[in-house]
Amino acid sequence: MTDACTVIIGASDLLPTLRKRAVPDDGEVLMFTDLESIGALQAITRRRPQVVALERLFAMTSRGAALINRIKADPTLRASEIRVIAHNSDYSRVVPRAAVPAPPALDQRGTRRAARFKMVRTAEALLNGRGAMLVDLSIVGAQVVSASMLRPNQRVEVALNDDAAAVRFSAVVAWTSFEVPPNGGPRYRAGINFEDADASSVEAFCQRHHATT
């Protein structure tokens, strides 16, 4: 069941105009800037709004496209209308559900297939603020080893930080295995699927930290 509200996402200076175009009446409106896609997604999954309106320029970015695909992939949001609107014209388009492309095939552990890079031993990700070793990394997912407990379907906030950039996004744990290595403490190996990661930023991190041998 949808909530009688509208979520609007776009550049901060465009939000007032977008509100007038998306919601002509006095219905409840939740507005997020194009830099707050994670917060917008959290509100969308919690409130299940009648309409999610994205400014056209934001919808054309990789972050906007990832958000649209995430909404379309969530069966609990099937009744939420996804609408792309322009701030400077009458352009308005409803994103059709039937046009959703099939997701990439999954491998035997449930992670999406994409070019994967083995990472150097010092490469690290932060999962909910706690360090985890990056085993391999692609633009859509990663394999990690963590001393902290990880559970399938657990949502985590991911940060890939180095001297060149800080990349932050949400992810979902696809699979886990518990390990007790002979020369170390217990740990969790896990595969995580990215939700709203900027592909170009993750790829750049891969290039900076992938193992050469």
N, C-alpha and C. Protein backbone atom coordinates (compact mmCIF):
# COMPACT_ATOMS: atom_id res chain seq x y z
N MET A 1 0.84 -1.19 0.00
CA MET A 1 0.00 0.00 0.00
C MET A 1 0.88 1.24 0.00
N THR A 2 0.59 2.20 -0.92
CA THR A 2 1.40 3.40 -1.00
C THR A 2 0.93 4.45 -0.01
N ASP A 3 1.86 5.34 0.34
CA ASP A 3 1.56 6.47 1.21
C ASP A 3 1.17 7.65 0.33
N ALA A 4 0.25 8.46 0.79
CA ALA A 4 -0.23 9.61 0.01
C ALA A 4 0.76 10.75 0.08
N CYS A 5 1.93 10.54 -0.51
CA CYS A 5 2.94 11.59 -0.52
C CYS A 5 3.74 11.48 -1.81
N THR A 6 4.53 12.51 -2.07
CA THR A 6 5.39 12.55 -3.26
C THR A 6 6.81 12.82 -2.82
N VAL A 7 7.76 12.09 -3.40
CA VAL A 7 9.18 12.33 -3.17
C VAL A 7 9.75 12.99 -4.41
N ILE A 8 10.45 14.10 -4.23
CA ILE A 8 11.05 14.84 -5.34
C ILE A 8 12.56 14.90 -5.13
N ILE A 9 13.32 14.63 -6.20
CA ILE A 9 14.77 14.62 -6.13
C ILE A 9 15.33 15.43 -7.28
N GLY A 10 16.22 16.36 -6.97
CA GLY A 10 16.84 17.18 -8.00
C GLY A 10 17.85 18.12 -7.38
N ALA A 11 18.47 18.94 -8.21
CA ALA A 11 19.43 19.93 -7.71
C ALA A 11 18.73 20.86 -6.72
N SER A 12 19.45 21.29 -5.69
CA SER A 12 18.84 22.05 -4.60
C SER A 12 18.15 23.32 -5.09
N ASP A 13 18.75 24.02 -6.08
CA ASP A 13 18.16 25.27 -6.54
C ASP A 13 16.94 25.06 -7.43
N LEU A 14 16.70 23.79 -7.83
CA LEU A 14 15.56 23.50 -8.71
C LEU A 14 14.36 22.94 -7.95
N LEU A 15 14.56 22.58 -6.69
CA LEU A 15 13.50 21.90 -5.95
C LEU A 15 12.19 22.70 -5.85
N PRO A 16 12.23 24.03 -5.60
CA PRO A 16 10.96 24.75 -5.53
C PRO A 16 10.17 24.69 -6.84
N THR A 17 10.87 24.81 -7.98
CA THR A 17 10.18 24.72 -9.27
C THR A 17 9.66 23.32 -9.52
N LEU A 18 10.46 22.33 -9.15
CA LEU A 18 10.04 20.94 -9.35
C LEU A 18 8.80 20.63 -8.52
N ARG A 19 8.74 21.18 -7.33
CA ARG A 19 7.56 20.93 -6.49
C ARG A 19 6.30 21.46 -7.16
N LYS A 20 6.37 22.64 -7.74
CA LYS A 20 5.19 23.21 -8.41
C LYS A 20 4.77 22.35 -9.59
N ARG A 21 5.74 21.80 -10.31
CA ARG A 21 5.41 21.00 -11.49
C ARG A 21 4.90 19.61 -11.11
N ALA A 22 5.46 19.04 -10.03
CA ALA A 22 5.13 17.66 -9.68
C ALA A 22 3.88 17.56 -8.83
N VAL A 23 3.64 18.56 -7.98
CA VAL A 23 2.53 18.50 -7.02
C VAL A 23 1.75 19.81 -7.08
N PRO A 24 0.76 19.89 -7.95
CA PRO A 24 0.00 21.14 -8.07
C PRO A 24 -0.87 21.44 -6.86
N ASP A 25 -1.25 20.42 -6.09
CA ASP A 25 -2.10 20.65 -4.92
C ASP A 25 -1.23 20.75 -3.66
N ASP A 26 -1.85 20.59 -2.51
CA ASP A 26 -1.13 20.73 -1.24
C ASP A 26 -0.78 19.39 -0.61
N GLY A 27 -0.59 18.36 -1.41
CA GLY A 27 -0.23 17.06 -0.87
C GLY A 27 1.12 17.08 -0.20
N GLU A 28 1.38 16.11 0.67
CA GLU A 28 2.65 16.05 1.38
C GLU A 28 3.79 15.78 0.41
N VAL A 29 4.87 16.52 0.57
CA VAL A 29 6.02 16.40 -0.33
C VAL A 29 7.28 16.22 0.50
N LEU A 30 8.10 15.26 0.11
CA LEU A 30 9.43 15.07 0.70
C LEU A 30 10.44 15.40 -0.37
N MET A 31 11.32 16.38 -0.12
CA MET A 31 12.27 16.83 -1.13
C MET A 31 13.70 16.50 -0.73
N PHE A 32 14.47 16.00 -1.70
CA PHE A 32 15.87 15.64 -1.48
C PHE A 32 16.70 16.21 -2.62
N THR A 33 17.91 16.66 -2.30
CA THR A 33 18.79 17.13 -3.35
C THR A 33 19.40 15.94 -4.09
N ASP A 34 20.00 16.21 -5.23
CA ASP A 34 20.61 15.14 -6.01
C ASP A 34 21.84 14.55 -5.33
N LEU A 35 22.28 15.14 -4.23
CA LEU A 35 23.40 14.59 -3.45
C LEU A 35 22.92 13.74 -2.28
N GLU A 36 21.61 13.61 -2.14
CA GLU A 36 21.04 12.88 -1.01
C GLU A 36 20.27 11.64 -1.49
N SER A 37 20.79 10.95 -2.49
CA SER A 37 20.06 9.81 -3.06
C SER A 37 19.90 8.68 -2.05
N ILE A 38 20.87 8.50 -1.16
CA ILE A 38 20.75 7.44 -0.16
C ILE A 38 19.62 7.75 0.81
N GLY A 39 19.57 8.99 1.28
CA GLY A 39 18.48 9.39 2.16
C GLY A 39 17.14 9.32 1.46
N ALA A 40 17.12 9.69 0.17
CA ALA A 40 15.87 9.61 -0.60
C ALA A 40 15.40 8.16 -0.71
N LEU A 41 16.34 7.24 -0.98
CA LEU A 41 15.96 5.84 -1.10
C LEU A 41 15.43 5.30 0.22
N GLN A 42 16.06 5.68 1.31
CA GLN A 42 15.58 5.23 2.62
C GLN A 42 14.16 5.72 2.88
N ALA A 43 13.88 6.97 2.52
CA ALA A 43 12.53 7.51 2.70
C ALA A 43 11.54 6.81 1.78
N ILE A 44 11.96 6.51 0.57
CA ILE A 44 11.07 5.86 -0.41
C ILE A 44 10.71 4.45 0.06
N THR A 45 11.70 3.70 0.51
CA THR A 45 11.42 2.32 0.95
C THR A 45 10.59 2.31 2.23
N ARG A 46 10.73 3.35 3.05
CA ARG A 46 9.96 3.41 4.30
C ARG A 46 8.53 3.90 4.08
N ARG A 47 8.37 4.93 3.24
CA ARG A 47 7.06 5.55 3.06
C ARG A 47 6.26 4.98 1.89
N ARG A 48 6.93 4.40 0.91
CA ARG A 48 6.26 3.87 -0.29
C ARG A 48 5.34 4.94 -0.90
N PRO A 49 5.91 6.03 -1.41
CA PRO A 49 5.11 7.16 -1.89
C PRO A 49 4.32 6.82 -3.14
N GLN A 50 3.27 7.61 -3.39
CA GLN A 50 2.50 7.44 -4.61
C GLN A 50 3.33 7.79 -5.83
N VAL A 51 4.15 8.84 -5.70
CA VAL A 51 4.95 9.32 -6.84
C VAL A 51 6.38 9.59 -6.37
N VAL A 52 7.34 9.14 -7.18
CA VAL A 52 8.74 9.53 -7.02
C VAL A 52 9.10 10.33 -8.26
N ALA A 53 9.37 11.61 -8.10
CA ALA A 53 9.66 12.50 -9.24
C ALA A 53 11.13 12.87 -9.22
N LEU A 54 11.81 12.61 -10.34
CA LEU A 54 13.23 12.93 -10.48
C LEU A 54 13.40 13.99 -11.57
N GLU A 55 14.23 14.99 -11.29
CA GLU A 55 14.53 15.98 -12.32
C GLU A 55 15.27 15.30 -13.45
N ARG A 56 14.98 15.69 -14.68
CA ARG A 56 15.48 14.97 -15.85
C ARG A 56 17.00 14.89 -15.88
N LEU A 57 17.71 15.96 -15.55
CA LEU A 57 19.17 15.94 -15.59
C LEU A 57 19.74 14.95 -14.58
N PHE A 58 19.13 14.90 -13.38
CA PHE A 58 19.57 13.93 -12.38
C PHE A 58 19.26 12.51 -12.83
N ALA A 59 18.10 12.30 -13.43
CA ALA A 59 17.71 10.96 -13.89
C ALA A 59 18.66 10.42 -14.94
N MET A 60 19.36 11.30 -15.66
CA MET A 60 20.28 10.88 -16.72
C MET A 60 21.65 10.52 -16.18
N THR A 61 21.93 10.83 -14.92
CA THR A 61 23.23 10.49 -14.34
C THR A 61 23.25 9.03 -13.90
N SER A 62 24.46 8.51 -13.66
CA SER A 62 24.56 7.12 -13.20
C SER A 62 23.90 6.94 -11.84
N ARG A 63 23.98 7.95 -10.98
CA ARG A 63 23.36 7.86 -9.66
C ARG A 63 21.83 7.87 -9.79
N GLY A 64 21.33 8.71 -10.69
CA GLY A 64 19.88 8.75 -10.90
C GLY A 64 19.37 7.46 -11.50
N ALA A 65 20.10 6.93 -12.49
CA ALA A 65 19.69 5.67 -13.10
C ALA A 65 19.72 4.53 -12.10
N ALA A 66 20.72 4.52 -11.21
CA ALA A 66 20.81 3.48 -10.19
C ALA A 66 19.63 3.56 -9.23
N LEU A 67 19.22 4.78 -8.90
CA LEU A 67 18.08 4.94 -8.00
C LEU A 67 16.80 4.46 -8.66
N ILE A 68 16.61 4.80 -9.93
CA ILE A 68 15.42 4.34 -10.65
C ILE A 68 15.38 2.82 -10.71
N ASN A 69 16.52 2.21 -11.04
CA ASN A 69 16.56 0.75 -11.14
C ASN A 69 16.32 0.09 -9.79
N ARG A 70 16.82 0.72 -8.72
CA ARG A 70 16.60 0.15 -7.39
C ARG A 70 15.12 0.18 -7.03
N ILE A 71 14.43 1.28 -7.37
CA ILE A 71 13.00 1.38 -7.08
C ILE A 71 12.23 0.36 -7.90
N LYS A 72 12.58 0.24 -9.17
CA LYS A 72 11.87 -0.70 -10.04
C LYS A 72 12.09 -2.15 -9.64
N ALA A 73 13.23 -2.42 -9.02
CA ALA A 73 13.53 -3.80 -8.63
C ALA A 73 12.88 -4.21 -7.32
N ASP A 74 12.35 -3.25 -6.57
CA ASP A 74 11.76 -3.54 -5.26
C ASP A 74 10.27 -3.85 -5.42
N PRO A 75 9.85 -5.09 -5.17
CA PRO A 75 8.43 -5.44 -5.35
C PRO A 75 7.50 -4.67 -4.41
N THR A 76 8.00 -4.19 -3.28
CA THR A 76 7.15 -3.44 -2.36
C THR A 76 6.86 -2.03 -2.88
N LEU A 77 7.59 -1.59 -3.91
CA LEU A 77 7.40 -0.26 -4.48
C LEU A 77 6.71 -0.31 -5.84
N ARG A 78 6.09 -1.44 -6.14
CA ARG A 78 5.48 -1.62 -7.45
C ARG A 78 4.38 -0.61 -7.72
N ALA A 79 3.70 -0.15 -6.68
CA ALA A 79 2.60 0.80 -6.87
C ALA A 79 3.08 2.25 -6.90
N SER A 80 4.35 2.49 -6.65
CA SER A 80 4.87 3.86 -6.68
C SER A 80 5.20 4.26 -8.11
N GLU A 81 4.61 5.34 -8.56
CA GLU A 81 4.86 5.83 -9.91
C GLU A 81 6.20 6.57 -9.95
N ILE A 82 7.03 6.23 -10.92
CA ILE A 82 8.32 6.91 -11.10
C ILE A 82 8.16 7.88 -12.26
N ARG A 83 8.36 9.15 -11.99
CA ARG A 83 8.14 10.17 -13.01
C ARG A 83 9.40 11.02 -13.17
N VAL A 84 9.80 11.24 -14.42
CA VAL A 84 10.93 12.11 -14.74
C VAL A 84 10.37 13.42 -15.27
N ILE A 85 10.77 14.54 -14.66
CA ILE A 85 10.24 15.85 -15.04
C ILE A 85 11.38 16.82 -15.29
N ALA A 86 11.10 17.86 -16.06
CA ALA A 86 12.08 18.91 -16.34
C ALA A 86 11.74 20.15 -15.52
N HIS A 87 12.76 20.88 -15.13
CA HIS A 87 12.53 22.09 -14.35
C HIS A 87 12.19 23.30 -15.22
N ASN A 88 12.50 23.22 -16.52
CA ASN A 88 12.37 24.38 -17.39
C ASN A 88 11.43 24.17 -18.57
N SER A 89 10.61 23.12 -18.50
CA SER A 89 9.65 22.87 -19.57
C SER A 89 8.52 22.01 -19.01
N ASP A 90 7.57 21.69 -19.86
CA ASP A 90 6.45 20.85 -19.44
C ASP A 90 6.76 19.36 -19.59
N TYR A 91 8.01 19.05 -19.88
CA TYR A 91 8.39 17.65 -20.07
C TYR A 91 8.08 16.83 -18.82
N SER A 92 7.39 15.72 -19.02
CA SER A 92 7.07 14.80 -17.93
C SER A 92 6.88 13.41 -18.51
N ARG A 93 7.56 12.44 -17.94
CA ARG A 93 7.47 11.07 -18.47
C ARG A 93 7.40 10.08 -17.32
N VAL A 94 6.45 9.15 -17.41
CA VAL A 94 6.36 8.08 -16.44
C VAL A 94 7.26 6.94 -16.89
N VAL A 95 8.12 6.49 -16.00
CA VAL A 95 9.03 5.39 -16.33
C VAL A 95 8.25 4.09 -16.33
N PRO A 96 8.15 3.40 -17.47
CA PRO A 96 7.34 2.18 -17.52
C PRO A 96 8.01 1.03 -16.81
N ARG A 97 7.23 0.30 -16.05
CA ARG A 97 7.76 -0.88 -15.36
C ARG A 97 8.13 -1.97 -16.34
N ALA A 98 7.36 -2.11 -17.40
CA ALA A 98 7.61 -3.18 -18.37
C ALA A 98 8.93 -3.02 -19.09
N ALA A 99 9.49 -1.80 -19.04
CA ALA A 99 10.72 -1.54 -19.77
C ALA A 99 11.96 -1.86 -18.95
N VAL A 100 11.78 -2.39 -17.75
CA VAL A 100 12.93 -2.69 -16.92
C VAL A 100 13.77 -3.79 -17.56
N PRO A 101 15.04 -3.56 -17.84
CA PRO A 101 15.87 -4.60 -18.43
C PRO A 101 16.13 -5.72 -17.44
N ALA A 102 16.30 -6.91 -17.96
CA ALA A 102 16.60 -8.05 -17.07
C ALA A 102 17.91 -7.80 -16.37
N PRO A 103 18.00 -8.11 -15.08
CA PRO A 103 19.26 -7.89 -14.36
C PRO A 103 20.32 -8.84 -14.86
N PRO A 104 21.58 -8.47 -14.71
CA PRO A 104 22.66 -9.36 -15.13
C PRO A 104 22.54 -10.71 -14.43
N ALA A 105 23.01 -11.76 -15.11
CA ALA A 105 22.95 -13.10 -14.53
C ALA A 105 23.78 -13.13 -13.25
N LEU A 106 23.37 -13.98 -12.32
CA LEU A 106 24.07 -14.09 -11.06
C LEU A 106 25.03 -15.28 -11.10
N ASP A 107 26.13 -15.13 -10.40
CA ASP A 107 27.02 -16.27 -10.32
C ASP A 107 26.57 -17.19 -9.20
N GLN A 108 27.37 -18.24 -8.92
CA GLN A 108 26.93 -19.26 -7.99
C GLN A 108 26.79 -18.75 -6.57
N ARG A 109 27.35 -17.61 -6.27
CA ARG A 109 27.25 -17.08 -4.91
C ARG A 109 26.29 -15.91 -4.84
N GLY A 110 25.61 -15.60 -5.93
CA GLY A 110 24.58 -14.58 -5.87
C GLY A 110 25.04 -13.18 -6.19
N THR A 111 26.30 -12.99 -6.58
CA THR A 111 26.76 -11.65 -6.91
C THR A 111 26.64 -11.42 -8.41
N ARG A 112 26.38 -10.18 -8.81
CA ARG A 112 26.16 -9.87 -10.20
C ARG A 112 27.46 -9.98 -10.99
N ARG A 113 27.34 -10.46 -12.23
CA ARG A 113 28.50 -10.62 -13.07
C ARG A 113 28.93 -9.28 -13.65
N ALA A 114 30.19 -8.97 -13.49
CA ALA A 114 30.80 -7.77 -14.05
C ALA A 114 32.30 -8.01 -13.99
N ALA A 115 33.04 -7.20 -14.72
CA ALA A 115 34.50 -7.35 -14.68
C ALA A 115 34.98 -7.16 -13.25
N ARG A 116 35.68 -8.16 -12.74
CA ARG A 116 36.11 -8.15 -11.35
C ARG A 116 37.61 -8.00 -11.27
N PHE A 117 38.07 -7.24 -10.28
CA PHE A 117 39.49 -7.01 -10.11
C PHE A 117 39.91 -7.54 -8.74
N LYS A 118 40.96 -8.37 -8.74
CA LYS A 118 41.53 -8.79 -7.46
C LYS A 118 42.26 -7.60 -6.87
N MET A 119 42.06 -7.34 -5.58
CA MET A 119 42.62 -6.16 -4.96
C MET A 119 43.91 -6.46 -4.21
N VAL A 120 44.75 -5.45 -4.05
CA VAL A 120 45.97 -5.61 -3.26
C VAL A 120 45.58 -5.88 -1.81
N ARG A 121 46.48 -6.50 -1.06
CA ARG A 121 46.14 -6.93 0.30
C ARG A 121 45.84 -5.75 1.23
N THR A 122 46.33 -4.59 0.89
CA THR A 122 46.09 -3.43 1.76
C THR A 122 44.78 -2.71 1.44
N ALA A 123 44.08 -3.11 0.39
CA ALA A 123 42.84 -2.43 0.00
C ALA A 123 41.75 -2.71 1.04
N GLU A 124 41.08 -1.67 1.44
CA GLU A 124 40.10 -1.79 2.51
C GLU A 124 38.83 -1.02 2.17
N ALA A 125 37.70 -1.54 2.62
CA ALA A 125 36.42 -0.84 2.57
C ALA A 125 35.92 -0.66 3.99
N LEU A 126 35.13 0.38 4.19
CA LEU A 126 34.45 0.56 5.47
C LEU A 126 33.00 0.13 5.29
N LEU A 127 32.56 -0.80 6.12
CA LEU A 127 31.17 -1.27 6.13
C LEU A 127 30.53 -0.80 7.43
N ASN A 128 29.60 0.12 7.32
CA ASN A 128 29.00 0.74 8.51
C ASN A 128 30.08 1.29 9.44
N GLY A 129 31.13 1.85 8.84
CA GLY A 129 32.19 2.48 9.61
C GLY A 129 33.27 1.56 10.12
N ARG A 130 33.17 0.26 9.85
CA ARG A 130 34.17 -0.70 10.32
C ARG A 130 34.95 -1.27 9.15
N GLY A 131 36.25 -1.42 9.35
CA GLY A 131 37.13 -1.85 8.27
C GLY A 131 36.89 -3.29 7.84
N ALA A 132 37.01 -3.53 6.54
CA ALA A 132 36.91 -4.88 5.98
C ALA A 132 37.89 -4.97 4.82
N MET A 133 38.56 -6.09 4.70
CA MET A 133 39.51 -6.28 3.61
C MET A 133 38.77 -6.51 2.30
N LEU A 134 39.19 -5.82 1.26
CA LEU A 134 38.61 -6.01 -0.07
C LEU A 134 39.36 -7.13 -0.78
N VAL A 135 38.68 -8.22 -1.07
CA VAL A 135 39.28 -9.34 -1.79
C VAL A 135 39.24 -9.07 -3.29
N ASP A 136 38.06 -8.76 -3.80
CA ASP A 136 37.92 -8.36 -5.19
C ASP A 136 36.81 -7.33 -5.29
N LEU A 137 36.79 -6.61 -6.41
CA LEU A 137 35.89 -5.48 -6.54
C LEU A 137 35.47 -5.31 -7.99
N SER A 138 34.19 -5.01 -8.21
CA SER A 138 33.68 -4.64 -9.52
C SER A 138 32.81 -3.42 -9.34
N ILE A 139 32.24 -2.91 -10.43
CA ILE A 139 31.41 -1.71 -10.32
C ILE A 139 30.05 -2.02 -9.71
N VAL A 140 29.71 -3.30 -9.55
CA VAL A 140 28.41 -3.66 -9.00
C VAL A 140 28.47 -4.46 -7.71
N GLY A 141 29.67 -4.83 -7.26
CA GLY A 141 29.75 -5.63 -6.06
C GLY A 141 31.18 -5.89 -5.63
N ALA A 142 31.32 -6.59 -4.52
CA ALA A 142 32.65 -6.86 -3.98
C ALA A 142 32.60 -8.11 -3.11
N GLN A 143 33.78 -8.70 -2.92
CA GLN A 143 33.96 -9.75 -1.92
C GLN A 143 34.83 -9.16 -0.82
N VAL A 144 34.38 -9.31 0.42
CA VAL A 144 35.09 -8.71 1.54
C VAL A 144 35.31 -9.74 2.63
N VAL A 145 36.27 -9.45 3.51
CA VAL A 145 36.50 -10.25 4.71
C VAL A 145 36.47 -9.30 5.89
N SER A 146 35.64 -9.62 6.87
CA SER A 146 35.41 -8.71 7.99
C SER A 146 35.42 -9.45 9.31
N ALA A 147 35.97 -8.81 10.33
CA ALA A 147 35.90 -9.38 11.68
C ALA A 147 34.51 -9.18 12.29
N SER A 148 33.75 -8.24 11.73
CA SER A 148 32.39 -7.98 12.22
C SER A 148 31.40 -8.93 11.56
N MET A 149 30.36 -9.30 12.29
CA MET A 149 29.34 -10.20 11.76
C MET A 149 28.61 -9.56 10.58
N LEU A 150 28.44 -10.35 9.52
CA LEU A 150 27.66 -9.94 8.37
C LEU A 150 26.62 -11.01 8.09
N ARG A 151 25.41 -10.59 7.74
CA ARG A 151 24.31 -11.52 7.51
C ARG A 151 23.72 -11.32 6.12
N PRO A 152 23.29 -12.38 5.45
CA PRO A 152 22.62 -12.22 4.15
C PRO A 152 21.43 -11.28 4.25
N ASN A 153 21.27 -10.44 3.24
CA ASN A 153 20.19 -9.44 3.14
C ASN A 153 20.40 -8.24 4.07
N GLN A 154 21.51 -8.21 4.78
CA GLN A 154 21.81 -7.04 5.63
C GLN A 154 22.19 -5.85 4.75
N ARG A 155 21.64 -4.69 5.06
CA ARG A 155 22.00 -3.46 4.36
C ARG A 155 23.20 -2.82 5.05
N VAL A 156 24.17 -2.37 4.27
CA VAL A 156 25.36 -1.74 4.83
C VAL A 156 25.67 -0.47 4.06
N GLU A 157 26.27 0.48 4.76
CA GLU A 157 26.79 1.69 4.13
C GLU A 157 28.27 1.47 3.86
N VAL A 158 28.68 1.66 2.61
CA VAL A 158 30.04 1.34 2.18
C VAL A 158 30.81 2.63 1.90
N ALA A 159 32.07 2.66 2.29
CA ALA A 159 32.96 3.77 1.94
C ALA A 159 34.26 3.20 1.40
N LEU A 160 34.68 3.71 0.25
CA LEU A 160 35.97 3.38 -0.34
C LEU A 160 36.79 4.67 -0.29
N ASN A 161 37.74 4.72 0.61
CA ASN A 161 38.49 5.95 0.84
C ASN A 161 39.97 5.76 0.53
N ASP A 162 40.55 6.71 -0.15
CA ASP A 162 42.00 6.77 -0.32
C ASP A 162 42.38 8.23 -0.51
N ASP A 163 43.63 8.49 -0.84
CA ASP A 163 44.10 9.87 -0.97
C ASP A 163 43.47 10.58 -2.16
N ALA A 164 42.95 9.82 -3.13
CA ALA A 164 42.41 10.43 -4.34
C ALA A 164 40.94 10.80 -4.23
N ALA A 165 40.17 10.01 -3.50
CA ALA A 165 38.72 10.24 -3.46
C ALA A 165 38.10 9.50 -2.29
N ALA A 166 36.86 9.85 -2.00
CA ALA A 166 36.04 9.14 -1.01
C ALA A 166 34.73 8.79 -1.70
N VAL A 167 34.47 7.49 -1.85
CA VAL A 167 33.28 7.01 -2.55
C VAL A 167 32.37 6.35 -1.52
N ARG A 168 31.13 6.81 -1.46
CA ARG A 168 30.19 6.27 -0.47
C ARG A 168 28.89 5.88 -1.15
N PHE A 169 28.32 4.75 -0.69
CA PHE A 169 27.08 4.24 -1.28
C PHE A 169 26.51 3.17 -0.38
N SER A 170 25.32 2.68 -0.74
CA SER A 170 24.67 1.61 0.00
C SER A 170 24.87 0.28 -0.71
N ALA A 171 24.76 -0.80 0.05
CA ALA A 171 24.91 -2.14 -0.51
C ALA A 171 24.09 -3.13 0.32
N VAL A 172 23.90 -4.32 -0.24
CA VAL A 172 23.19 -5.39 0.45
C VAL A 172 24.08 -6.63 0.44
N VAL A 173 24.17 -7.30 1.58
CA VAL A 173 24.96 -8.53 1.67
C VAL A 173 24.22 -9.65 0.94
N ALA A 174 24.89 -10.25 -0.04
CA ALA A 174 24.27 -11.32 -0.84
C ALA A 174 24.52 -12.70 -0.23
N TRP A 175 25.71 -12.93 0.29
CA TRP A 175 26.04 -14.23 0.88
C TRP A 175 27.14 -14.03 1.92
N THR A 176 27.26 -14.96 2.85
CA THR A 176 28.31 -14.91 3.86
C THR A 176 28.80 -16.32 4.16
N SER A 177 30.03 -16.40 4.64
CA SER A 177 30.55 -17.67 5.17
C SER A 177 31.43 -17.34 6.38
N PHE A 178 31.31 -18.17 7.41
CA PHE A 178 32.06 -17.96 8.64
C PHE A 178 33.35 -18.76 8.56
N GLU A 179 34.49 -18.13 8.89
CA GLU A 179 35.78 -18.78 8.78
C GLU A 179 36.57 -18.62 10.08
N VAL A 180 37.36 -19.63 10.37
CA VAL A 180 38.31 -19.54 11.49
C VAL A 180 39.66 -19.99 10.95
N PRO A 181 40.46 -19.06 10.42
CA PRO A 181 41.76 -19.43 9.86
C PRO A 181 42.71 -19.92 10.94
N PRO A 182 43.69 -20.78 10.58
CA PRO A 182 44.59 -21.35 11.60
C PRO A 182 45.44 -20.31 12.32
N ASN A 183 45.75 -19.22 11.65
CA ASN A 183 46.63 -18.22 12.25
C ASN A 183 45.92 -16.88 12.48
N GLY A 184 44.64 -16.92 12.78
CA GLY A 184 43.91 -15.68 12.99
C GLY A 184 42.61 -15.92 13.71
N GLY A 185 41.94 -14.84 14.02
CA GLY A 185 40.67 -14.94 14.72
C GLY A 185 39.52 -15.21 13.76
N PRO A 186 38.33 -15.49 14.28
CA PRO A 186 37.16 -15.75 13.44
C PRO A 186 36.83 -14.52 12.59
N ARG A 187 36.28 -14.78 11.39
CA ARG A 187 35.95 -13.69 10.49
C ARG A 187 34.83 -14.12 9.56
N TYR A 188 34.27 -13.15 8.87
CA TYR A 188 33.19 -13.39 7.93
C TYR A 188 33.64 -12.99 6.53
N ARG A 189 33.51 -13.91 5.61
CA ARG A 189 33.72 -13.61 4.20
C ARG A 189 32.35 -13.38 3.58
N ALA A 190 32.20 -12.35 2.76
CA ALA A 190 30.87 -12.01 2.25
C ALA A 190 30.96 -11.41 0.85
N GLY A 191 29.88 -11.59 0.12
CA GLY A 191 29.70 -10.91 -1.15
C GLY A 191 28.63 -9.86 -0.98
N ILE A 192 28.89 -8.65 -1.46
CA ILE A 192 27.92 -7.57 -1.33
C ILE A 192 27.57 -7.01 -2.71
N ASN A 193 26.31 -6.69 -2.88
CA ASN A 193 25.82 -6.08 -4.11
C ASN A 193 25.58 -4.60 -3.88
N PHE A 194 26.16 -3.76 -4.75
CA PHE A 194 26.03 -2.32 -4.60
C PHE A 194 24.65 -1.87 -5.09
N GLU A 195 24.12 -0.82 -4.47
CA GLU A 195 22.80 -0.31 -4.84
C GLU A 195 22.86 1.00 -5.60
N ASP A 196 23.61 1.96 -5.10
CA ASP A 196 23.60 3.28 -5.73
C ASP A 196 25.01 3.82 -5.90
N ALA A 197 25.96 2.91 -6.13
CA ALA A 197 27.36 3.33 -6.29
C ALA A 197 27.55 4.02 -7.64
N ASP A 198 28.37 5.06 -7.65
CA ASP A 198 28.73 5.71 -8.91
C ASP A 198 29.77 4.83 -9.61
N ALA A 199 29.38 4.28 -10.76
CA ALA A 199 30.21 3.28 -11.44
C ALA A 199 31.59 3.82 -11.79
N SER A 200 31.67 5.05 -12.27
CA SER A 200 32.96 5.60 -12.68
C SER A 200 33.89 5.79 -11.48
N SER A 201 33.34 6.17 -10.34
CA SER A 201 34.16 6.35 -9.14
C SER A 201 34.68 5.01 -8.61
N VAL A 202 33.81 3.99 -8.63
CA VAL A 202 34.24 2.66 -8.17
C VAL A 202 35.28 2.09 -9.13
N GLU A 203 35.07 2.28 -10.42
CA GLU A 203 36.04 1.78 -11.40
C GLU A 203 37.40 2.45 -11.22
N ALA A 204 37.39 3.75 -10.94
CA ALA A 204 38.65 4.45 -10.71
C ALA A 204 39.36 3.90 -9.47
N PHE A 205 38.60 3.60 -8.41
CA PHE A 205 39.18 3.00 -7.21
C PHE A 205 39.78 1.64 -7.56
N CYS A 206 39.07 0.85 -8.37
CA CYS A 206 39.60 -0.45 -8.82
C CYS A 206 40.95 -0.28 -9.51
N GLN A 207 41.03 0.68 -10.39
CA GLN A 207 42.27 0.88 -11.15
C GLN A 207 43.44 1.29 -10.25
N ARG A 208 43.11 2.01 -9.18
CA ARG A 208 44.18 2.46 -8.29
C ARG A 208 44.68 1.37 -7.35
N HIS A 209 43.83 0.36 -7.07
CA HIS A 209 44.18 -0.61 -6.02
C HIS A 209 44.12 -2.07 -6.46
N HIS A 210 43.96 -2.36 -7.74
CA HIS A 210 43.89 -3.77 -8.13
C HIS A 210 45.30 -4.37 -8.15
N ALA A 211 45.34 -5.67 -7.87
CA ALA A 211 46.61 -6.38 -7.85
C ALA A 211 47.08 -6.59 -9.29
N THR A 212 48.36 -6.41 -9.52
CA THR A 212 48.91 -6.53 -10.89
C THR A 212 49.36 -7.94 -11.21
N THR A 213 49.44 -8.80 -10.19
CA THR A 213 49.85 -10.18 -10.46
C THR A 213 48.87 -11.14 -9.80
